[in-house]
C-alpha atoms as a PDB file:
ATOM      1  CA  MET A   1       0.000   0.000   0.000  1.00  0.00           C
ATOM      2  CA  VAL A   2       1.282   3.458  -0.930  1.00  0.00           C
ATOM      3  CA  THR A   3      -0.035   6.679   0.575  1.00  0.00           C
ATOM      4  CA  VAL A   4      -0.153   9.477  -1.995  1.00  0.00           C
ATOM      5  CA  SER A   5      -0.425  13.066  -0.741  1.00  0.00           C
ATOM      6  CA  LEU A   6      -0.754  16.133  -2.989  1.00  0.00           C
ATOM      7  CA  THR A   7      -0.075  19.699  -1.907  1.00  0.00           C
ATOM      8  CA  GLY A   8      -0.159  22.902  -3.914  1.00  0.00           C
ATOM      9  CA  SER A   9      -2.893  21.372  -6.000  1.00  0.00           C
ATOM     10  CA  SER A  10      -6.308  22.445  -7.159  1.00  0.00           C
ATOM     11  CA  LEU A  11      -9.263  20.097  -6.887  1.00  0.00           C
ATOM     12  CA  LYS A  12      -9.042  19.561 -10.653  1.00  0.00           C
ATOM     13  CA  ASP A  13      -5.334  18.626 -10.500  1.00  0.00           C
ATOM     14  CA  ALA A  14      -5.950  16.273  -7.556  1.00  0.00           C
ATOM     15  CA  ALA A  15      -8.716  14.567  -9.526  1.00  0.00           C
ATOM     16  CA  THR A  16      -6.418  14.339 -12.581  1.00  0.00           C
ATOM     17  CA  VAL A  17      -3.519  12.786 -10.644  1.00  0.00           C
ATOM     18  CA  PHE A  18      -5.656  10.370  -8.612  1.00  0.00           C
ATOM     19  CA  GLY A  19      -7.664   9.503 -11.725  1.00  0.00           C
ATOM     20  CA  ALA A  20      -4.476   8.578 -13.609  1.00  0.00           C
ATOM     21  CA  LEU A  21      -3.289   6.424 -10.700  1.00  0.00           C
ATOM     22  CA  GLY A  22      -6.736   4.826 -10.462  1.00  0.00           C
ATOM     23  CA  LYS A  23      -6.530   3.830 -14.135  1.00  0.00           C
ATOM     24  CA  ALA A  24      -3.024   2.456 -13.655  1.00  0.00           C
ATOM     25  CA  PHE A  25      -3.929   0.514 -10.511  1.00  0.00           C
ATOM     26  CA  PRO A  26      -7.661  -0.209 -10.500  1.00  0.00           C
ATOM     27  CA  ALA A  27      -9.029  -0.894  -7.041  1.00  0.00           C
ATOM     28  CA  GLY A  28     -12.339  -2.146  -5.745  1.00  0.00           C
ATOM     29  CA  GLU A  29     -13.562   1.370  -4.997  1.00  0.00           C
ATOM     30  CA  PRO A  30     -12.944   4.488  -7.115  1.00  0.00           C
ATOM     31  CA  TRP A  31     -11.473   7.631  -5.576  1.00  0.00           C
ATOM     32  CA  ASP A  32     -14.238  10.019  -4.531  1.00  0.00           C
ATOM     33  CA  VAL A  33     -13.654  13.592  -5.654  1.00  0.00           C
ATOM     34  CA  PRO A  34     -14.432  15.920  -2.745  1.00  0.00           C
ATOM     35  CA  THR A  35     -15.641  19.479  -3.067  1.00  0.00           C
ATOM     36  CA  ASP A  36     -13.332  22.484  -2.897  1.00  0.00           C
ATOM     37  CA  PRO A  37     -12.646  23.588   0.692  1.00  0.00           C
ATOM     38  CA  PRO A  38     -14.397  26.746   1.866  1.00  0.00           C
ATOM     39  CA  GLY A  39     -12.411  29.967   2.038  1.00  0.00           C
ATOM     40  CA  GLY A  40      -9.526  28.783  -0.128  1.00  0.00           C
ATOM     41  CA  ALA A  41      -7.827  27.013   2.789  1.00  0.00           C
ATOM     42  CA  ALA A  42      -4.651  25.034   2.122  1.00  0.00           C
ATOM     43  CA  VAL A  43      -5.451  21.414   1.410  1.00  0.00           C
ATOM     44  CA  VAL A  44      -3.568  18.139   1.374  1.00  0.00           C
ATOM     45  CA  TRP A  45      -5.310  15.637  -0.912  1.00  0.00           C
ATOM     46  CA  THR A  46      -4.609  12.055   0.176  1.00  0.00           C
ATOM     47  CA  ALA A  47      -5.428   8.632  -1.247  1.00  0.00           C
ATOM     48  CA  GLU A  48      -4.017   5.129  -0.958  1.00  0.00           C
ATOM     49  CA  PHE A  49      -3.152   2.812  -3.827  1.00  0.00           C
ATOM     50  CA  GLU A  50      -2.056  -0.793  -3.817  1.00  0.00           C
ATOM     51  CA  PRO A  51       0.076  -1.404  -6.883  1.00  0.00           C
ATOM     52  CA  THR A  52      -0.028  -5.041  -7.846  1.00  0.00           C
ATOM     53  CA  GLN A  53       2.047  -6.992 -10.314  1.00  0.00           C
ATOM     54  CA  SER A  54      -0.699  -6.475 -12.899  1.00  0.00           C
ATOM     55  CA  ARG A  55       0.005  -4.489 -16.038  1.00  0.00           C
ATOM     56  CA  VAL A  56      -0.054  -0.709 -15.618  1.00  0.00           C
ATOM     57  CA  LEU A  57      -2.924   0.804 -17.626  1.00  0.00           C
ATOM     58  CA  ALA A  58      -1.753   4.410 -17.809  1.00  0.00           C
ATOM     59  CA  PRO A  59      -3.535   6.783 -20.208  1.00  0.00           C
ATOM     60  CA  VAL A  60      -1.862   7.396 -23.560  1.00  0.00           C
ATOM     61  CA  GLY A  61      -0.291  10.804 -24.082  1.00  0.00           C
ATOM     62  CA  PRO A  62       0.239  13.718 -21.737  1.00  0.00           C
ATOM     63  CA  THR A  63      -2.452  14.730 -19.281  1.00  0.00           C
ATOM     64  CA  PRO A  64      -2.690  18.490 -18.639  1.00  0.00           C
ATOM     65  CA  LEU A  65      -2.390  19.987 -15.165  1.00  0.00           C
ATOM     66  CA  GLU A  66      -3.404  23.493 -14.099  1.00  0.00           C
ATOM     67  CA  GLY A  67      -0.383  23.879 -11.836  1.00  0.00           C
ATOM     68  CA  SER A  68       2.667  22.003 -10.563  1.00  0.00           C
ATOM     69  CA  PRO A  69       1.492  19.960  -7.572  1.00  0.00           C
ATOM     70  CA  THR A  70       3.900  18.335  -5.148  1.00  0.00           C
ATOM     71  CA  VAL A  71       3.268  14.638  -4.618  1.00  0.00           C
ATOM     72  CA  THR A  72       4.577  12.578  -1.725  1.00  0.00           C
ATOM     73  CA  LEU A  73       4.646   8.798  -2.150  1.00  0.00           C
ATOM     74  CA  GLN A  74       5.151   6.751   1.012  1.00  0.00           C
ATOM     75  CA  GLY A  75       5.289   2.971   1.201  1.00  0.00           C
ATOM     76  CA  GLY A  76       7.354  -0.084   0.343  1.00  0.00           C
ATOM     77  CA  TYR A  77      10.256   0.311  -2.067  1.00  0.00           C
ATOM     78  CA  VAL A  78       8.778  -1.658  -4.979  1.00  0.00           C
ATOM     79  CA  ALA A  79       5.291  -0.197  -4.556  1.00  0.00           C
ATOM     80  CA  VAL A  80       6.567   3.398  -4.496  1.00  0.00           C
ATOM     81  CA  ASP A  81       8.684   2.743  -7.590  1.00  0.00           C
ATOM     82  CA  ARG A  82       5.645   1.355  -9.453  1.00  0.00           C
ATOM     83  CA  LEU A  83       3.553   4.439  -8.630  1.00  0.00           C
ATOM     84  CA  ARG A  84       6.375   6.735  -9.685  1.00  0.00           C
ATOM     85  CA  GLU A  85       6.658   4.819 -12.974  1.00  0.00           C
ATOM     86  CA  ALA A  86       2.924   5.234 -13.575  1.00  0.00           C
ATOM     87  CA  LEU A  87       3.116   8.982 -12.853  1.00  0.00           C
ATOM     88  CA  SER A  88       6.109   9.319 -15.207  1.00  0.00           C
ATOM     89  CA  ALA A  89       4.061   7.789 -18.020  1.00  0.00           C
ATOM     90  CA  VAL A  90       1.509  10.599 -17.755  1.00  0.00           C
ATOM     91  CA  PHE A  91       3.293  13.642 -16.274  1.00  0.00           C
ATOM     92  CA  ALA A  92       6.722  15.274 -16.294  1.00  0.00           C
ATOM     93  CA  VAL A  93       8.126  14.173 -12.918  1.00  0.00           C
ATOM     94  CA  HIS A  94      10.876  16.063 -11.068  1.00  0.00           C
ATOM     95  CA  GLU A  95      12.265  14.470  -7.893  1.00  0.00           C
ATOM     96  CA  GLN A  96      12.488  16.876  -4.967  1.00  0.00           C
ATOM     97  CA  GLY A  97      13.873  14.444  -2.369  1.00  0.00           C
ATOM     98  CA  THR A  98      13.892  10.921  -0.995  1.00  0.00           C
ATOM     99  CA  VAL A  99      14.016   9.478   2.515  1.00  0.00           C
ATOM    100  CA  SER A 100      14.765   5.765   2.870  1.00  0.00           C
ATOM    101  CA  GLY A 101      14.124   3.466   5.805  1.00  0.00           C
ATOM    102  CA  ASP A 102      14.436  -0.266   6.450  1.00  0.00           C
ATOM    103  CA  GLN A 103      11.082  -1.257   4.939  1.00  0.00           C
ATOM    104  CA  GLU A 104       9.703   1.924   3.385  1.00  0.00           C
ATOM    105  CA  LYS A 105      10.695   5.005   1.504  1.00  0.00           C
ATOM    106  CA  GLU A 106       9.206   8.423   0.965  1.00  0.00           C
ATOM    107  CA  VAL A 107       9.661  10.295  -2.307  1.00  0.00           C
ATOM    108  CA  ASP A 108       8.698  13.914  -2.963  1.00  0.00           C
ATOM    109  CA  LEU A 109       7.949  14.727  -6.595  1.00  0.00           C
ATOM    110  CA  GLU A 110       6.835  17.796  -8.492  1.00  0.00           C
ATOM    111  CA  LEU A 111       4.460  17.061 -11.368  1.00  0.00           C
ATOM    112  CA  ARG A 112       4.034  19.134 -14.487  1.00  0.00           C
ATOM    113  CA  THR A 113       2.228  18.674 -17.763  1.00  0.00           C
ATOM    114  CA  LYS A 114       4.354  16.462 -19.992  1.00  0.00           C
ATOM    115  CA  GLN A 115       5.276  18.134 -23.247  1.00  0.00           C
ATOM    116  CA  PRO A 116       4.510  16.008 -26.340  1.00  0.00           C
END
C-alpha cells in the first residue's frame, strides 16, 4: 500500500492525478472527488493505492495539469517505484527528495504537464 499526498494542487489537478493512478492501478472502490474547501484554505489531498504486479494501464499521451502539484509517495520500495513509474508515463516528474528506511521510503515529486 502506498499513501499518496498532494499539496499545492487544485481540486481539478488532484482529480487528474488520482484519476491517472486509479486507471493504472484499478481498485475495488474508485477515488471520490471531494468538493473544494471553503475559504480557499490550504489542502492536502490524500489517497491510498495498492500497486499489484498487474500491467499498468496508464492513459496514452500527456495529461494536462493546471499547476505544478507536489506529490509525496510513502510505502514499500517496490510499490513506491511502481507508482512513480505510472506517474512518469503521464506527467513530467521532477524528484524533490527521498528518505529511505528499512522497509519503506518516501519520495517527494513535483508534477508538471508532460510536453509532447
